[in-house]
Amino acid sequence: MLDGLVLTELTPEDKAFLERFKDCRHLSLKNCRLRSLVNFPVLPALARLDISDNHLEGSKKDLLAPLPACFKQLTHLSLSGNRLDMEAMKSNLIKLSETLNKLEVFGNPLPANYRELLFDSVASLETVDGYDRDG
């Protein structure tokens, strides 16, 4: 857990350091002021990632692009409290659809029907913000 550590952006040194923890199953970088996922560590065993309450924003489709490449076993992802729109999320979360089953995205500028859109896009999802497909 590295919550609250001011990082803004991960450096190549940060990436190398974090990648030493090859068996890491849960990484929390809440409220670290992250603006980018550049140099995000590749952690093949990671099942839970919390990058909530950061400064990730916009509709850049490539903003979340490192996630599918870095985490092949990710089941739980929290992106809450950022400024991500639906396009930034949907295009990359689809690539996690083999493993991702819990997603938290509240506190982002999303349309009213965002849960339905995410369930339709990512077949493996069981819950979005604690709600299942039936609400």
Protein backbone atom coordinates (compact mmCIF):
# COMPACT_ATOMS: atom_id res chain seq x y z
CA MET A 1 0.00 0.00 0.00
CA LEU A 2 1.47 3.27 -1.13
CA ASP A 3 -1.62 5.39 -0.46
CA GLY A 4 -1.00 9.12 -0.21
CA LEU A 5 2.54 8.99 -1.58
CA VAL A 6 2.88 11.94 -3.97
CA LEU A 7 3.93 10.45 -7.29
CA THR A 8 2.19 12.44 -10.08
CA GLU A 9 3.84 10.04 -12.55
CA LEU A 10 5.83 6.87 -12.01
CA THR A 11 9.49 7.06 -13.01
CA PRO A 12 11.42 4.20 -14.61
CA GLU A 13 13.06 3.74 -11.19
CA ASP A 14 9.64 3.44 -9.51
CA LYS A 15 8.63 0.86 -12.10
CA ALA A 16 11.81 -1.19 -11.57
CA PHE A 17 11.40 -1.05 -7.78
CA LEU A 18 7.76 -2.18 -7.85
CA GLU A 19 8.48 -4.96 -10.34
CA ARG A 20 10.78 -6.57 -7.78
CA PHE A 21 7.60 -7.66 -5.97
CA LYS A 22 6.72 -10.31 -8.57
CA ASP A 23 4.25 -12.11 -6.28
CA CYS A 24 2.37 -8.94 -5.30
CA ARG A 25 -1.38 -9.66 -5.39
CA HIS A 26 -2.75 -6.28 -4.19
CA LEU A 27 -1.42 -2.83 -5.04
CA SER A 28 -2.99 0.32 -3.68
CA LEU A 29 -1.96 3.75 -4.98
CA LYS A 30 -4.90 5.75 -3.66
CA ASN A 31 -4.64 9.52 -3.52
CA CYS A 32 -1.11 9.69 -4.98
CA ARG A 33 -1.94 12.49 -7.43
CA LEU A 34 -1.18 10.21 -10.38
CA ARG A 35 -1.87 11.92 -13.71
CA SER A 36 -0.63 9.13 -15.92
CA LEU A 37 -0.02 5.40 -15.93
CA VAL A 38 3.23 5.74 -17.85
CA ASN A 39 5.88 3.43 -16.36
CA PHE A 40 3.25 1.40 -14.55
CA PRO A 41 4.83 -1.80 -13.23
CA VAL A 42 4.15 -5.17 -14.81
CA LEU A 43 2.98 -7.41 -11.95
CA PRO A 44 1.73 -10.70 -13.40
CA ALA A 45 0.24 -12.02 -10.12
CA LEU A 46 -1.71 -8.84 -9.29
CA ALA A 47 -5.38 -9.53 -8.62
CA ARG A 48 -6.45 -6.21 -7.01
CA LEU A 49 -5.47 -2.71 -8.07
CA ASP A 50 -6.72 0.46 -6.42
CA ILE A 51 -5.80 3.69 -8.18
CA SER A 52 -8.74 5.67 -6.87
CA ASP A 53 -8.73 9.35 -5.89
CA ASN A 54 -5.94 10.35 -8.25
CA HIS A 55 -5.79 12.89 -11.06
CA LEU A 56 -6.35 10.53 -13.98
CA GLU A 57 -8.55 12.37 -16.40
CA GLY A 58 -9.89 12.78 -19.85
CA SER A 59 -11.07 10.80 -22.78
CA LYS A 60 -7.69 9.69 -24.03
CA LYS A 61 -8.23 6.12 -25.10
CA ASP A 62 -4.59 5.34 -24.36
CA LEU A 63 -4.68 6.62 -20.77
CA LEU A 64 -5.58 3.21 -19.33
CA ALA A 65 -3.80 1.24 -22.08
CA PRO A 66 -1.01 -0.03 -19.77
CA LEU A 67 -3.48 -1.91 -17.56
CA PRO A 68 -4.36 -4.87 -19.82
CA ALA A 69 -0.72 -5.40 -20.73
CA CYS A 70 0.47 -5.28 -17.10
CA PHE A 71 -2.09 -7.43 -15.34
CA LYS A 72 -3.20 -10.77 -16.71
CA GLN A 73 -4.93 -11.91 -13.48
CA LEU A 74 -6.62 -8.69 -12.39
CA THR A 75 -10.03 -9.39 -10.86
CA HIS A 76 -10.76 -6.19 -8.91
CA LEU A 77 -10.03 -2.66 -10.16
CA SER A 78 -10.87 0.63 -8.48
CA LEU A 79 -10.73 3.77 -10.61
CA SER A 80 -13.11 5.79 -8.41
CA GLY A 81 -12.61 9.47 -7.74
CA ASN A 82 -10.71 10.30 -10.90
CA ARG A 83 -11.90 12.28 -13.91
CA LEU A 84 -12.20 9.51 -16.45
CA ASP A 85 -14.96 9.43 -19.01
CA MET A 86 -16.63 6.41 -20.56
CA GLU A 87 -14.38 6.28 -23.65
CA ALA A 88 -11.24 6.27 -21.53
CA MET A 89 -12.60 3.31 -19.57
CA LYS A 90 -14.53 1.19 -22.01
CA SER A 91 -11.93 0.70 -24.72
CA ASN A 92 -9.32 -0.64 -22.30
CA LEU A 93 -11.50 -2.48 -19.80
CA ILE A 94 -12.78 -4.68 -22.61
CA LYS A 95 -9.24 -6.03 -22.86
CA LEU A 96 -9.47 -7.17 -19.22
CA SER A 97 -12.73 -9.02 -19.81
CA GLU A 98 -11.26 -12.47 -19.24
CA THR A 99 -10.47 -11.81 -15.58
CA LEU A 100 -12.03 -8.56 -14.32
CA ASN A 101 -15.12 -9.16 -12.19
CA LYS A 102 -15.29 -6.22 -9.74
CA LEU A 103 -15.01 -2.62 -10.87
CA GLU A 104 -15.36 0.62 -8.93
CA VAL A 105 -15.75 3.80 -10.94
CA PHE A 106 -18.02 6.09 -8.91
CA GLY A 107 -16.90 9.71 -8.69
CA ASN A 108 -15.96 9.94 -12.37
CA PRO A 109 -17.91 12.05 -14.91
CA LEU A 110 -19.95 9.19 -16.35
CA PRO A 111 -23.40 9.03 -17.93
CA ALA A 112 -26.38 7.99 -15.80
CA ASN A 113 -26.47 4.53 -17.40
CA TYR A 114 -22.74 3.87 -16.96
CA ARG A 115 -23.22 0.59 -15.10
CA GLU A 116 -25.35 -0.84 -17.87
CA LEU A 117 -22.82 0.29 -20.50
CA LEU A 118 -19.94 -1.30 -18.57
CA PHE A 119 -21.81 -4.58 -18.00
CA ASP A 120 -22.58 -4.69 -21.73
CA SER A 121 -18.94 -4.02 -22.66
CA VAL A 122 -17.11 -6.23 -20.16
CA ALA A 123 -18.79 -9.63 -20.03
CA SER A 124 -16.84 -10.90 -17.02
CA LEU A 125 -18.03 -8.11 -14.68
CA GLU A 126 -20.05 -9.32 -11.70
CA THR A 127 -20.31 -5.97 -9.93
CA VAL A 128 -19.85 -2.29 -10.77
CA ASP A 129 -19.70 -0.03 -7.72
CA GLY A 130 -21.11 -2.84 -5.62
CA TYR A 131 -24.16 -3.42 -7.86
CA ASP A 132 -24.69 -6.57 -9.89
CA ARG A 133 -26.38 -6.64 -13.32
CA ASP A 134 -29.82 -6.60 -11.68
CA GLY A 135 -29.02 -3.63 -9.48
